[in-house]
Structures are given as C-alpha cells and as structure tokens.
Amino acid sequence: MFKFFRKIRGQLLIENKFTRYFLYAAGEILLVVIGILIALQINNWNEDRKTREFEMEILSDILVSIDGHFFQIDMALESHASSIQSIDIILHHLEKDLPYHDSLDVHFSKSFDWVNVAMNNAGYESLKTYGRNLISSDSIRTALGIYETGWLERLAQRQEDYFYNSAAPILTKLFETVAMRSKSKPFNYEALKSSNEYLSILKTTRALRIDQNYWYSEWRVGFFELKQMIIRELQKQD
C-alpha cells in the first residue's frame, strides 16, 4: 500500500499538483495514525483480557479456600456448643449437690475443649501481592475486608491466654488429668463442688465459648455472602 502511495506522490510532484500532493500525504499520515491507534486498542484489549483472566483465577482460588473456612467454622461451632452443654451439666450437678458419677469425667474434659479457626487463604494472599484493586467488583473488594479484621486471631489468643495462664494452673490441682478429648477425673469431687475458683473457670469458659460462637456465626454469614458474590462474578465470565 505504501508503495502505491509513493507512486501517486511521485506522479503528483511530476505534474506539479502540490495541493493534491499534500492531501495525499496527509491521508497517508492519517492512515498510519489510525493503524497505530488500532494496534494500541488491540493491545489494550489483550491486556484487559489477561488481567480479567488472572482476576478470575484469583477469585477461583479464594472460593476454594472459603469452603475450607466453612468446615473449620462448623467444627468450631459444634465443639463449642458441646463444651457449653458439658459445662451446663457440670454446673447442674455442682449447684444441685448431686453425687459423683464417672460419666461426668467426659464432661469435665469436654468443658475444656475449644477450636481455633485459622482463615488461611492462598488466593487472598496472592491478591495482596497485586493489590485488591485487581478485583473489578466493588462489592467483592469490600467483602474481602473480612480477612483484615484480626478478630479471629484475637479471639484465639484471648482463649489460649485465659486457659494456659489462668485456668490450667488451677485445674491441674483439681483433676488427675487435664486433657481435651479424653476424660478428666477429679481428685476430690466434694472439694470441687465448693471450689469458687473452679466455678469461676466454668462460667468464664462458658461465656468465652458463647462469644466465640457468636462471632464465628457472624463470619460464616460474611463468608457465605462473599462466596455468592464470587460465584456470580465467575458466572459472568462463562
């Protein structure tokens, strides 16, 4: 094509048709500019497509990890509910001055149980490297803030600090073994009934479990909503 234009320009110069020469020259320049703009646009489309595909990969990875969150949260909710139930059985026996039975040993142990939920998400960690602005959906970007609250870590740390620093030193004096998912037999059941320290541990632990389950239930709702947003966003790509 350019050879064709050069031939026309040469002919116009020979014929001294300078006005038409400049028009042809301008047209040639315009075609070059348009070609460059088209090439840039195609390149931008390709880059946008690659960015969108990478965004979908990240969202897919996040989605897989969310299903793991549900498993951990549900396990924690079940464990804490079981712990509360055991604490209530123990308190009932102690407060009603009921006699000891070895079936209580399971409840003494279960009352110590708790599960800390770890929200590890490889997809979100990858996203942090590139920045949340990679996600085009405003609602998903906002919902991803659930990973930045820090509440899960604080709940876990508060529970561990209380158990190991405050409760365990007292419990080891009251029980032959202080072990989770086992049995804990008291040294002296009658002394246990009159121990204000032990009653305080039971009631404090019960309050902690209720608080944990409240927040875990809230997080479960948040992760469910985030999951539905991601599914809808992925479906747009199909």
Foldseek 3Di string as FASTA:
>chain_A
DVVVLVVVLVVCVVVVVVVVNVVSVVVVVVVVVVVVVVVVVVVVVVVVVVLLVVLLVLLVQQLVLLVVQVVQLVVQLVLLVLLLVLLVVVCVCLVVVHDDDQVNQLSQQSVLDGGQGDSDGPSVVVCVVVDLVSDVDPVLSVLVCVVVPCVSVVLVVVSVCCCPVPNVVVVVQFWVDRHHPDTTHGPDVVVCSVDPSNVVVSVVSNVSSVVVNVVSVVVNVSSVVSSVVSVVVSVVVD
